[in-house]
Amino acid sequence: MATTDRQMLLICMGLAFVFWLILNLSQEYEINKDVNITYTVGPERVVAGTPPQSVPVQLSGRGWDLIWESARGRSIDVSIDLADQRELLLSSNLLQQEISRQLSSGDLEVVSMGFESVQLLTTPREGKRVPVMPDVTASYVAGYFSPEQPTVRPDSVTVNGAADALQEIFSWPTEPLFLERLEQNTVATVALQPPPPGLTLNYSDVQVGLSVEAFIEQQLSVPIALEHAPAGDSVRVYPNHVTITLTIPESEFGKYSMTDFHVEADLLQMSTAGEDNTLPLTLTRVPEAIKSVTFFPRAVEYYVYRIDN
């Protein structure tokens, strides 16, 4: 085939494709989109309840128009202006009008919509102050721990919204914070979990601090207290002291003494029959701030000296 013939064939094929494209894109088609609805109210009012946030719609129009509309994304953003109104009937006709205003062409038409009319109510905006609850997961270098709970600054947040939506809110969580191999005090900025539609927070993040100290051991000698000693007899236990080992922050070394602890042997558990003359020991008083404590021995030998009348 001559070069001129090939060029003419390509031109004819191109023209045929253009005519085919024009013919097909001039026909009617349908596409589906989601409508994202936001509600604009005055600064002193909020929307009560949970109005619809998303509505599926089906659009119809010529192929040319639908191409441009599809290029704008998979969703359409619509804002319903409530201003300072106390109530508004959001009908399907009103919503359809708002959707039509956001379309790329006036030739496009909303042919179906998964929406039923809803009565929108607004109430005065109220605020509730609640504590911030940090969500912290931490790991430490060997020999280091945190002696305290995480601190939060500021430690509370004001939640604004409708009164009924605030009734069940008693605290506000942060986003999860993961800290690894800590060996010194740490402060991190953490975002608060975002509020659902209809609620707002007076700030979006907080400072979470975690104190970290080296933990050391301290040993104390504590006397054993005898409980329920039989009247008229003399009872001795051996040994009469135990060694208590505390795992405490380095800054608390020397803070505790033997009077902070109570170790007892309950003589109601002793038996004068048989060869076993041991009694288990119980640690009955420990300061709450101490995280780890052990003592040795765990049992003692007892001896009963009968006193004859």
C-alpha atoms as a PDB file:
ATOM      1  CA  MET A   1       0.000   0.000   0.000  1.00  0.00           C
ATOM      2  CA  ALA A   2       1.337   3.405  -0.976  1.00  0.00           C
ATOM      3  CA  THR A   3       2.232   5.944   1.686  1.00  0.00           C
ATOM      4  CA  THR A   4      -0.550   8.268   0.546  1.00  0.00           C
ATOM      5  CA  ASP A   5      -3.098   5.459   0.824  1.00  0.00           C
ATOM      6  CA  ARG A   6      -1.963   4.600   4.363  1.00  0.00           C
ATOM      7  CA  GLN A   7      -2.260   8.231   5.426  1.00  0.00           C
ATOM      8  CA  MET A   8      -5.785   8.468   3.991  1.00  0.00           C
ATOM      9  CA  LEU A   9      -6.770   5.243   5.777  1.00  0.00           C
ATOM     10  CA  LEU A  10      -5.516   6.574   9.103  1.00  0.00           C
ATOM     11  CA  ILE A  11      -7.353   9.867   8.601  1.00  0.00           C
ATOM     12  CA  CYS A  12     -10.578   8.058   7.797  1.00  0.00           C
ATOM     13  CA  MET A  13     -10.206   5.808  10.834  1.00  0.00           C
ATOM     14  CA  GLY A  14      -9.538   8.831  13.033  1.00  0.00           C
ATOM     15  CA  LEU A  15     -12.574  10.671  11.716  1.00  0.00           C
ATOM     16  CA  ALA A  16     -14.705   7.558  12.214  1.00  0.00           C
ATOM     17  CA  PHE A  17     -13.525   7.289  15.813  1.00  0.00           C
ATOM     18  CA  VAL A  18     -14.295  10.969  16.458  1.00  0.00           C
ATOM     19  CA  PHE A  19     -17.787  10.641  15.020  1.00  0.00           C
ATOM     20  CA  TRP A  20     -18.328   7.446  17.018  1.00  0.00           C
ATOM     21  CA  LEU A  21     -17.133   9.177  20.195  1.00  0.00           C
ATOM     22  CA  ILE A  22     -19.340  12.219  19.587  1.00  0.00           C
ATOM     23  CA  LEU A  23     -22.317  10.017  18.888  1.00  0.00           C
ATOM     24  CA  ASN A  24     -21.848   7.884  22.004  1.00  0.00           C
ATOM     25  CA  LEU A  25     -20.999  10.723  24.391  1.00  0.00           C
ATOM     26  CA  SER A  26     -24.073  12.596  23.259  1.00  0.00           C
ATOM     27  CA  GLN A  27     -26.266   9.833  24.634  1.00  0.00           C
ATOM     28  CA  GLU A  28     -27.651   9.653  28.179  1.00  0.00           C
ATOM     29  CA  TYR A  29     -25.789   7.728  30.908  1.00  0.00           C
ATOM     30  CA  GLU A  30     -25.943   7.374  34.681  1.00  0.00           C
ATOM     31  CA  ILE A  31     -23.290   7.400  37.396  1.00  0.00           C
ATOM     32  CA  ASN A  32     -23.399   6.953  41.186  1.00  0.00           C
ATOM     33  CA  LYS A  33     -21.906   9.323  43.717  1.00  0.00           C
ATOM     34  CA  ASP A  34     -21.976   9.956  47.467  1.00  0.00           C
ATOM     35  CA  VAL A  35     -23.135  13.282  48.874  1.00  0.00           C
ATOM     36  CA  ASN A  36     -21.328  14.439  52.022  1.00  0.00           C
ATOM     37  CA  ILE A  37     -23.574  16.718  54.059  1.00  0.00           C
ATOM     38  CA  THR A  38     -22.322  19.289  56.555  1.00  0.00           C
ATOM     39  CA  TYR A  39     -24.474  21.595  58.661  1.00  0.00           C
ATOM     40  CA  THR A  40     -23.625  25.233  59.302  1.00  0.00           C
ATOM     41  CA  VAL A  41     -25.060  26.771  62.461  1.00  0.00           C
ATOM     42  CA  GLY A  42     -24.466  29.921  64.468  1.00  0.00           C
ATOM     43  CA  PRO A  43     -21.681  29.957  67.085  1.00  0.00           C
ATOM     44  CA  GLU A  44     -24.171  29.630  69.959  1.00  0.00           C
ATOM     45  CA  ARG A  45     -26.143  26.654  68.626  1.00  0.00           C
ATOM     46  CA  VAL A  46     -25.520  23.055  67.583  1.00  0.00           C
ATOM     47  CA  VAL A  47     -27.442  20.437  65.645  1.00  0.00           C
ATOM     48  CA  ALA A  48     -29.247  18.052  67.977  1.00  0.00           C
ATOM     49  CA  GLY A  49     -29.048  14.299  67.479  1.00  0.00           C
ATOM     50  CA  THR A  50     -27.261  12.685  64.541  1.00  0.00           C
ATOM     51  CA  PRO A  51     -28.519  14.031  61.219  1.00  0.00           C
ATOM     52  CA  PRO A  52     -27.545  12.191  58.019  1.00  0.00           C
ATOM     53  CA  GLN A  53     -23.917  12.742  57.022  1.00  0.00           C
ATOM     54  CA  SER A  54     -23.798  10.893  53.680  1.00  0.00           C
ATOM     55  CA  VAL A  55     -26.406  10.132  51.030  1.00  0.00           C
ATOM     56  CA  PRO A  56     -25.972   8.027  47.838  1.00  0.00           C
ATOM     57  CA  VAL A  57     -27.275   9.619  44.637  1.00  0.00           C
ATOM     58  CA  GLN A  58     -27.589   8.620  41.008  1.00  0.00           C
ATOM     59  CA  LEU A  59     -26.905  11.247  38.353  1.00  0.00           C
ATOM     60  CA  SER A  60     -28.064  11.221  34.746  1.00  0.00           C
ATOM     61  CA  GLY A  61     -26.763  13.239  31.821  1.00  0.00           C
ATOM     62  CA  ARG A  62     -24.905  13.221  28.552  1.00  0.00           C
ATOM     63  CA  GLY A  63     -21.619  11.387  28.418  1.00  0.00           C
ATOM     64  CA  TRP A  64     -19.633  14.627  27.989  1.00  0.00           C
ATOM     65  CA  ASP A  65     -21.080  16.115  31.139  1.00  0.00           C
ATOM     66  CA  LEU A  66     -20.652  12.929  33.162  1.00  0.00           C
ATOM     67  CA  ILE A  67     -16.968  12.712  32.208  1.00  0.00           C
ATOM     68  CA  TRP A  68     -16.306  16.142  33.695  1.00  0.00           C
ATOM     69  CA  GLU A  69     -18.400  15.338  36.751  1.00  0.00           C
ATOM     70  CA  SER A  70     -16.559  12.051  37.338  1.00  0.00           C
ATOM     71  CA  ALA A  71     -13.225  13.857  37.088  1.00  0.00           C
ATOM     72  CA  ARG A  72     -14.202  15.949  40.141  1.00  0.00           C
ATOM     73  CA  GLY A  73     -14.112  12.907  42.420  1.00  0.00           C
ATOM     74  CA  ARG A  74     -16.373  10.233  43.842  1.00  0.00           C
ATOM     75  CA  SER A  75     -18.285  12.533  46.199  1.00  0.00           C
ATOM     76  CA  ILE A  76     -20.183  15.811  46.277  1.00  0.00           C
ATOM     77  CA  ASP A  77     -19.933  18.188  49.251  1.00  0.00           C
ATOM     78  CA  VAL A  78     -23.142  19.935  50.289  1.00  0.00           C
ATOM     79  CA  SER A  79     -23.602  22.379  53.175  1.00  0.00           C
ATOM     80  CA  ILE A  80     -26.993  22.975  54.784  1.00  0.00           C
ATOM     81  CA  ASP A  81     -27.153  26.453  56.288  1.00  0.00           C
ATOM     82  CA  LEU A  82     -29.166  26.480  59.500  1.00  0.00           C
ATOM     83  CA  ALA A  83     -27.825  29.858  60.699  1.00  0.00           C
ATOM     84  CA  ASP A  84     -29.628  30.531  64.003  1.00  0.00           C
ATOM     85  CA  GLN A  85     -32.761  28.549  63.101  1.00  0.00           C
ATOM     86  CA  ARG A  86     -34.263  26.322  65.764  1.00  0.00           C
ATOM     87  CA  GLU A  87     -35.564  23.784  63.240  1.00  0.00           C
ATOM     88  CA  LEU A  88     -35.606  23.026  59.527  1.00  0.00           C
ATOM     89  CA  LEU A  89     -37.316  20.335  57.480  1.00  0.00           C
ATOM     90  CA  LEU A  90     -34.638  18.914  55.210  1.00  0.00           C
ATOM     91  CA  SER A  91     -36.805  17.499  52.447  1.00  0.00           C
ATOM     92  CA  SER A  92     -35.628  15.494  49.462  1.00  0.00           C
ATOM     93  CA  ASN A  93     -36.520  18.435  47.206  1.00  0.00           C
ATOM     94  CA  LEU A  94     -34.410  20.854  49.258  1.00  0.00           C
ATOM     95  CA  LEU A  95     -31.462  18.468  49.326  1.00  0.00           C
ATOM     96  CA  GLN A  96     -31.780  17.834  45.597  1.00  0.00           C
ATOM     97  CA  GLN A  97     -31.651  21.583  44.949  1.00  0.00           C
ATOM     98  CA  GLU A  98     -28.490  21.895  47.038  1.00  0.00           C
ATOM     99  CA  ILE A  99     -26.905  18.976  45.175  1.00  0.00           C
ATOM    100  CA  SER A 100     -27.793  20.476  41.790  1.00  0.00           C
ATOM    101  CA  ARG A 101     -26.001  23.692  42.737  1.00  0.00           C
ATOM    102  CA  GLN A 102     -22.773  21.735  43.258  1.00  0.00           C
ATOM    103  CA  LEU A 103     -22.844  19.818  39.966  1.00  0.00           C
ATOM    104  CA  SER A 104     -20.431  20.712  37.180  1.00  0.00           C
ATOM    105  CA  SER A 105     -23.227  21.182  34.632  1.00  0.00           C
ATOM    106  CA  GLY A 106     -26.800  22.362  34.747  1.00  0.00           C
ATOM    107  CA  ASP A 107     -27.665  19.594  32.285  1.00  0.00           C
ATOM    108  CA  LEU A 108     -27.013  16.911  34.889  1.00  0.00           C
ATOM    109  CA  GLU A 109     -30.007  15.596  36.787  1.00  0.00           C
ATOM    110  CA  VAL A 110     -30.444  13.759  40.094  1.00  0.00           C
ATOM    111  CA  VAL A 111     -32.581  10.765  39.137  1.00  0.00           C
ATOM    112  CA  SER A 112     -32.595   8.895  42.458  1.00  0.00           C
ATOM    113  CA  MET A 113     -31.440   9.510  45.998  1.00  0.00           C
ATOM    114  CA  GLY A 114     -31.324   7.296  49.079  1.00  0.00           C
ATOM    115  CA  PHE A 115     -32.818   9.888  51.387  1.00  0.00           C
ATOM    116  CA  GLU A 116     -36.019  10.543  53.298  1.00  0.00           C
ATOM    117  CA  SER A 117     -37.058  13.905  54.688  1.00  0.00           C
ATOM    118  CA  VAL A 118     -35.760  14.616  58.188  1.00  0.00           C
ATOM    119  CA  GLN A 119     -36.544  17.319  60.739  1.00  0.00           C
ATOM    120  CA  LEU A 120     -33.380  19.100  61.832  1.00  0.00           C
ATOM    121  CA  LEU A 121     -33.358  20.630  65.305  1.00  0.00           C
ATOM    122  CA  THR A 122     -30.785  22.941  66.846  1.00  0.00           C
ATOM    123  CA  THR A 123     -30.207  23.576  70.532  1.00  0.00           C
ATOM    124  CA  PRO A 124     -28.062  26.061  72.456  1.00  0.00           C
ATOM    125  CA  ARG A 125     -24.412  25.072  72.552  1.00  0.00           C
ATOM    126  CA  GLU A 126     -23.257  23.810  75.962  1.00  0.00           C
ATOM    127  CA  GLY A 127     -19.842  22.913  77.337  1.00  0.00           C
ATOM    128  CA  LYS A 128     -18.696  20.148  79.685  1.00  0.00           C
ATOM    129  CA  ARG A 129     -15.270  19.918  81.281  1.00  0.00           C
ATOM    130  CA  VAL A 130     -13.960  16.339  81.471  1.00  0.00           C
ATOM    131  CA  PRO A 131     -10.551  14.837  82.341  1.00  0.00           C
ATOM    132  CA  VAL A 132      -8.188  13.700  79.602  1.00  0.00           C
ATOM    133  CA  MET A 133      -7.310   9.994  79.764  1.00  0.00           C
ATOM    134  CA  PRO A 134      -3.884   9.205  78.244  1.00  0.00           C
ATOM    135  CA  ASP A 135      -3.475   5.953  76.314  1.00  0.00           C
ATOM    136  CA  VAL A 136       0.233   5.195  76.887  1.00  0.00           C
ATOM    137  CA  THR A 137       2.122   1.958  76.324  1.00  0.00           C
ATOM    138  CA  ALA A 138       5.750   2.128  77.502  1.00  0.00           C
ATOM    139  CA  SER A 139       8.744  -0.187  77.680  1.00  0.00           C
ATOM    140  CA  TYR A 140      11.933   0.515  79.609  1.00  0.00           C
ATOM    141  CA  VAL A 141      15.636  -0.185  79.500  1.00  0.00           C
ATOM    142  CA  ALA A 142      16.505  -2.900  82.037  1.00  0.00           C
ATOM    143  CA  GLY A 143      16.639  -1.430  85.528  1.00  0.00           C
ATOM    144  CA  TYR A 144      14.378   1.525  84.742  1.00  0.00           C
ATOM    145  CA  PHE A 145      10.694   1.975  85.477  1.00  0.00           C
ATOM    146  CA  SER A 146       8.137   4.726  85.882  1.00  0.00           C
ATOM    147  CA  PRO A 147       7.211   5.294  89.536  1.00  0.00           C
ATOM    148  CA  GLU A 148       4.116   7.336  88.682  1.00  0.00           C
ATOM    149  CA  GLN A 149       1.160   7.423  86.342  1.00  0.00           C
ATOM    150  CA  PRO A 150       1.561   9.570  83.199  1.00  0.00           C
ATOM    151  CA  THR A 151       0.869  13.274  83.670  1.00  0.00           C
ATOM    152  CA  VAL A 152      -1.261  15.271  81.234  1.00  0.00           C
ATOM    153  CA  ARG A 153      -1.100  19.025  80.566  1.00  0.00           C
ATOM    154  CA  PRO A 154      -3.711  20.356  80.354  1.00  0.00           C
ATOM    155  CA  ASP A 155      -5.406  17.586  82.287  1.00  0.00           C
ATOM    156  CA  SER A 156      -8.963  18.331  81.122  1.00  0.00           C
ATOM    157  CA  VAL A 157     -10.790  19.411  77.985  1.00  0.00           C
ATOM    158  CA  THR A 158     -14.051  21.237  77.340  1.00  0.00           C
ATOM    159  CA  VAL A 159     -16.442  19.350  75.079  1.00  0.00           C
ATOM    160  CA  ASN A 160     -19.021  21.564  73.367  1.00  0.00           C
ATOM    161  CA  GLY A 161     -22.247  20.306  71.887  1.00  0.00           C
ATOM    162  CA  ALA A 162     -25.887  19.605  72.524  1.00  0.00           C
ATOM    163  CA  ALA A 163     -26.846  18.831  76.120  1.00  0.00           C
ATOM    164  CA  ASP A 164     -28.126  15.323  75.328  1.00  0.00           C
ATOM    165  CA  ALA A 165     -24.879  14.424  73.545  1.00  0.00           C
ATOM    166  CA  LEU A 166     -22.813  15.527  76.560  1.00  0.00           C
ATOM    167  CA  GLN A 167     -24.678  13.462  79.157  1.00  0.00           C
ATOM    168  CA  GLU A 168     -22.723  10.244  78.594  1.00  0.00           C
ATOM    169  CA  ILE A 169     -19.282  11.862  78.277  1.00  0.00           C
ATOM    170  CA  PHE A 170     -17.198  11.621  81.464  1.00  0.00           C
ATOM    171  CA  SER A 171     -13.656  11.672  80.046  1.00  0.00           C
ATOM    172  CA  TRP A 172     -11.846  12.131  76.747  1.00  0.00           C
ATOM    173  CA  PRO A 173      -9.107   9.779  75.465  1.00  0.00           C
ATOM    174  CA  THR A 174      -5.919  10.579  73.606  1.00  0.00           C
ATOM    175  CA  GLU A 175      -4.694   8.762  70.569  1.00  0.00           C
ATOM    176  CA  PRO A 176      -2.463   5.771  71.457  1.00  0.00           C
ATOM    177  CA  LEU A 177       1.123   6.690  72.373  1.00  0.00           C
ATOM    178  CA  PHE A 178       3.879   4.051  72.183  1.00  0.00           C
ATOM    179  CA  LEU A 179       7.190   4.724  73.959  1.00  0.00           C
ATOM    180  CA  GLU A 180      10.085   2.252  73.805  1.00  0.00           C
ATOM    181  CA  ARG A 181      13.274   1.662  75.817  1.00  0.00           C
ATOM    182  CA  LEU A 182      12.880   4.599  78.132  1.00  0.00           C
ATOM    183  CA  GLU A 183      15.659   5.542  80.555  1.00  0.00           C
ATOM    184  CA  GLN A 184      14.906   9.222  81.182  1.00  0.00           C
ATOM    185  CA  ASN A 185      11.903  11.487  81.703  1.00  0.00           C
ATOM    186  CA  THR A 186       9.881  11.866  78.517  1.00  0.00           C
ATOM    187  CA  VAL A 187       7.332  14.424  77.313  1.00  0.00           C
ATOM    188  CA  ALA A 188       5.401  13.936  74.072  1.00  0.00           C
ATOM    189  CA  THR A 189       2.659  15.796  72.249  1.00  0.00           C
ATOM    190  CA  VAL A 190      -0.339  13.524  71.683  1.00  0.00           C
ATOM    191  CA  ALA A 191      -3.484  14.259  69.696  1.00  0.00           C
ATOM    192  CA  LEU A 192      -6.861  13.880  71.345  1.00  0.00           C
ATOM    193  CA  GLN A 193      -9.218  11.492  69.657  1.00  0.00           C
ATOM    194  CA  PRO A 194     -11.345  13.536  67.226  1.00  0.00           C
ATOM    195  CA  PRO A 195     -14.923  14.222  68.314  1.00  0.00           C
ATOM    196  CA  PRO A 196     -17.877  12.868  66.351  1.00  0.00           C
ATOM    197  CA  PRO A 197     -20.038  15.221  64.289  1.00  0.00           C
ATOM    198  CA  GLY A 198     -21.927  17.676  66.480  1.00  0.00           C
ATOM    199  CA  LEU A 199     -19.209  17.914  69.150  1.00  0.00           C
ATOM    200  CA  THR A 200     -16.135  20.122  69.328  1.00  0.00           C
ATOM    201  CA  LEU A 201     -13.122  20.316  71.663  1.00  0.00           C
ATOM    202  CA  ASN A 202     -11.437  23.500  72.844  1.00  0.00           C
ATOM    203  CA  TYR A 203      -8.048  22.077  71.765  1.00  0.00           C
ATOM    204  CA  SER A 204      -6.790  19.135  69.748  1.00  0.00           C
ATOM    205  CA  ASP A 205      -3.698  17.828  71.561  1.00  0.00           C
ATOM    206  CA  VAL A 206      -2.077  17.596  75.004  1.00  0.00           C
ATOM    207  CA  GLN A 207       1.376  17.101  76.526  1.00  0.00           C
ATOM    208  CA  VAL A 208       1.842  13.666  78.106  1.00  0.00           C
ATOM    209  CA  GLY A 209       4.770  13.264  80.482  1.00  0.00           C
ATOM    210  CA  LEU A 210       6.269  10.104  81.924  1.00  0.00           C
ATOM    211  CA  SER A 211       8.820  10.196  84.747  1.00  0.00           C
ATOM    212  CA  VAL A 212      11.488   7.504  84.505  1.00  0.00           C
ATOM    213  CA  GLU A 213      13.943   6.493  87.235  1.00  0.00           C
ATOM    214  CA  ALA A 214      16.504   3.820  87.882  1.00  0.00           C
ATOM    215  CA  PHE A 215      15.163   1.273  90.357  1.00  0.00           C
ATOM    216  CA  ILE A 216      17.433  -0.038  93.107  1.00  0.00           C
ATOM    217  CA  GLU A 217      17.131  -2.523  95.965  1.00  0.00           C
ATOM    218  CA  GLN A 218      17.077  -1.697  99.665  1.00  0.00           C
ATOM    219  CA  GLN A 219      17.082  -4.287 102.434  1.00  0.00           C
ATOM    220  CA  LEU A 220      15.525  -3.955 105.884  1.00  0.00           C
ATOM    221  CA  SER A 221      15.520  -6.249 108.914  1.00  0.00           C
ATOM    222  CA  VAL A 222      11.969  -6.505 110.300  1.00  0.00           C
ATOM    223  CA  PRO A 223      11.017  -8.341 113.538  1.00  0.00           C
ATOM    224  CA  ILE A 224       8.412 -11.093 113.360  1.00  0.00           C
ATOM    225  CA  ALA A 225       5.199 -10.472 115.310  1.00  0.00           C
ATOM    226  CA  LEU A 226       3.552 -13.474 116.991  1.00  0.00           C
ATOM    227  CA  GLU A 227      -0.223 -13.639 116.672  1.00  0.00           C
ATOM    228  CA  HIS A 228      -2.563 -15.716 118.864  1.00  0.00           C
ATOM    229  CA  ALA A 229       0.119 -16.890 121.283  1.00  0.00           C
ATOM    230  CA  PRO A 230      -1.389 -19.429 123.734  1.00  0.00           C
ATOM    231  CA  ALA A 231      -1.861 -18.126 127.263  1.00  0.00           C
ATOM    232  CA  GLY A 232       0.358 -19.620 129.920  1.00  0.00           C
ATOM    233  CA  ASP A 233       2.978 -20.958 127.478  1.00  0.00           C
ATOM    234  CA  SER A 234       6.134 -19.340 126.152  1.00  0.00           C
ATOM    235  CA  VAL A 235       6.625 -19.485 122.375  1.00  0.00           C
ATOM    236  CA  ARG A 236       9.806 -18.628 120.509  1.00  0.00           C
ATOM    237  CA  VAL A 237      10.425 -18.562 116.756  1.00  0.00           C
ATOM    238  CA  TYR A 238      13.744 -18.830 114.948  1.00  0.00           C
ATOM    239  CA  PRO A 239      14.845 -16.670 113.351  1.00  0.00           C
ATOM    240  CA  ASN A 240      12.960 -13.787 114.937  1.00  0.00           C
ATOM    241  CA  HIS A 241      13.643 -11.319 112.092  1.00  0.00           C
ATOM    242  CA  VAL A 242      13.176 -11.441 108.325  1.00  0.00           C
ATOM    243  CA  THR A 243      15.076  -9.603 105.629  1.00  0.00           C
ATOM    244  CA  ILE A 244      12.770  -7.535 103.409  1.00  0.00           C
ATOM    245  CA  THR A 245      14.052  -6.523  99.972  1.00  0.00           C
ATOM    246  CA  LEU A 246      12.416  -3.482  98.355  1.00  0.00           C
ATOM    247  CA  THR A 247      12.623  -2.480  94.718  1.00  0.00           C
ATOM    248  CA  ILE A 248      12.209   1.301  94.767  1.00  0.00           C
ATOM    249  CA  PRO A 249      13.122   4.367  92.703  1.00  0.00           C
ATOM    250  CA  GLU A 250      16.607   5.617  93.418  1.00  0.00           C
ATOM    251  CA  SER A 251      15.169   8.903  94.711  1.00  0.00           C
ATOM    252  CA  GLU A 252      13.310   7.050  97.499  1.00  0.00           C
ATOM    253  CA  PHE A 253      16.316   5.249  98.960  1.00  0.00           C
ATOM    254  CA  GLY A 254      16.249   5.570 102.751  1.00  0.00           C
ATOM    255  CA  LYS A 255      12.622   6.716 102.817  1.00  0.00           C
ATOM    256  CA  TYR A 256      11.297   3.504 104.412  1.00  0.00           C
ATOM    257  CA  SER A 257      12.125   1.859 107.720  1.00  0.00           C
ATOM    258  CA  MET A 258      11.200  -1.398 109.456  1.00  0.00           C
ATOM    259  CA  THR A 259       8.178   0.268 111.115  1.00  0.00           C
ATOM    260  CA  ASP A 260       6.540   0.606 107.663  1.00  0.00           C
ATOM    261  CA  PHE A 261       6.207  -3.194 107.436  1.00  0.00           C
ATOM    262  CA  HIS A 262       4.541  -5.903 109.462  1.00  0.00           C
ATOM    263  CA  VAL A 263       5.444  -9.580 109.232  1.00  0.00           C
ATOM    264  CA  GLU A 264       3.542 -12.023 111.383  1.00  0.00           C
ATOM    265  CA  ALA A 265       3.466 -15.685 112.328  1.00  0.00           C
ATOM    266  CA  ASP A 266       0.007 -16.911 113.214  1.00  0.00           C
ATOM    267  CA  LEU A 267       0.361 -19.398 116.057  1.00  0.00           C
ATOM    268  CA  LEU A 268      -3.117 -20.774 115.404  1.00  0.00           C
ATOM    269  CA  GLN A 269      -1.493 -22.657 112.518  1.00  0.00           C
ATOM    270  CA  MET A 270       1.127 -24.386 114.688  1.00  0.00           C
ATOM    271  CA  SER A 271       0.834 -27.994 115.658  1.00  0.00           C
ATOM    272  CA  THR A 272       2.477 -29.617 118.643  1.00  0.00           C
ATOM    273  CA  ALA A 273       1.995 -33.081 117.158  1.00  0.00           C
ATOM    274  CA  GLY A 274       4.474 -34.633 114.770  1.00  0.00           C
ATOM    275  CA  GLU A 275       7.954 -33.543 113.831  1.00  0.00           C
ATOM    276  CA  ASP A 276       7.074 -30.497 111.692  1.00  0.00           C
ATOM    277  CA  ASN A 277       7.530 -27.367 113.770  1.00  0.00           C
ATOM    278  CA  THR A 278       7.558 -24.675 111.051  1.00  0.00           C
ATOM    279  CA  LEU A 279       5.213 -21.723 110.650  1.00  0.00           C
ATOM    280  CA  PRO A 280       4.583 -19.760 107.425  1.00  0.00           C
ATOM    281  CA  LEU A 281       5.106 -16.007 107.545  1.00  0.00           C
ATOM    282  CA  THR A 282       2.766 -13.382 106.151  1.00  0.00           C
ATOM    283  CA  LEU A 283       3.626  -9.842 105.122  1.00  0.00           C
ATOM    284  CA  THR A 284       0.528  -7.912 106.209  1.00  0.00           C
ATOM    285  CA  ARG A 285       1.591  -4.276 105.876  1.00  0.00           C
ATOM    286  CA  VAL A 286       3.411  -2.677 102.924  1.00  0.00           C
ATOM    287  CA  PRO A 287       3.375   1.005 101.867  1.00  0.00           C
ATOM    288  CA  GLU A 288       1.185   1.432  98.773  1.00  0.00           C
ATOM    289  CA  ALA A 289       3.888   3.284  96.846  1.00  0.00           C
ATOM    290  CA  ILE A 290       6.211   0.257  96.815  1.00  0.00           C
ATOM    291  CA  LYS A 291       5.868  -1.712  93.593  1.00  0.00           C
ATOM    292  CA  SER A 292       7.914  -4.810  94.477  1.00  0.00           C
ATOM    293  CA  VAL A 293       8.803  -6.396  97.811  1.00  0.00           C
ATOM    294  CA  THR A 294      10.073  -9.817  98.858  1.00  0.00           C
ATOM    295  CA  PHE A 295      11.141 -11.263 102.201  1.00  0.00           C
ATOM    296  CA  PHE A 296      13.223 -14.162 103.474  1.00  0.00           C
ATOM    297  CA  PRO A 297      12.829 -16.576 105.112  1.00  0.00           C
ATOM    298  CA  ARG A 298       9.243 -17.453 104.210  1.00  0.00           C
ATOM    299  CA  ALA A 299       8.815 -19.701 107.262  1.00  0.00           C
ATOM    300  CA  VAL A 300      10.329 -20.021 110.731  1.00  0.00           C
ATOM    301  CA  GLU A 301      10.765 -22.747 113.327  1.00  0.00           C
ATOM    302  CA  TYR A 302       8.787 -22.437 116.511  1.00  0.00           C
ATOM    303  CA  TYR A 303       9.407 -23.760 119.991  1.00  0.00           C
ATOM    304  CA  VAL A 304       6.855 -23.984 122.803  1.00  0.00           C
ATOM    305  CA  TYR A 305       8.016 -23.882 126.391  1.00  0.00           C
ATOM    306  CA  ARG A 306       5.364 -25.234 128.748  1.00  0.00           C
ATOM    307  CA  ILE A 307       5.003 -23.391 131.977  1.00  0.00           C
ATOM    308  CA  ASP A 308       3.921 -25.743 134.784  1.00  0.00           C
ATOM    309  CA  ASN A 309       1.742 -24.303 137.479  1.00  0.00           C
END
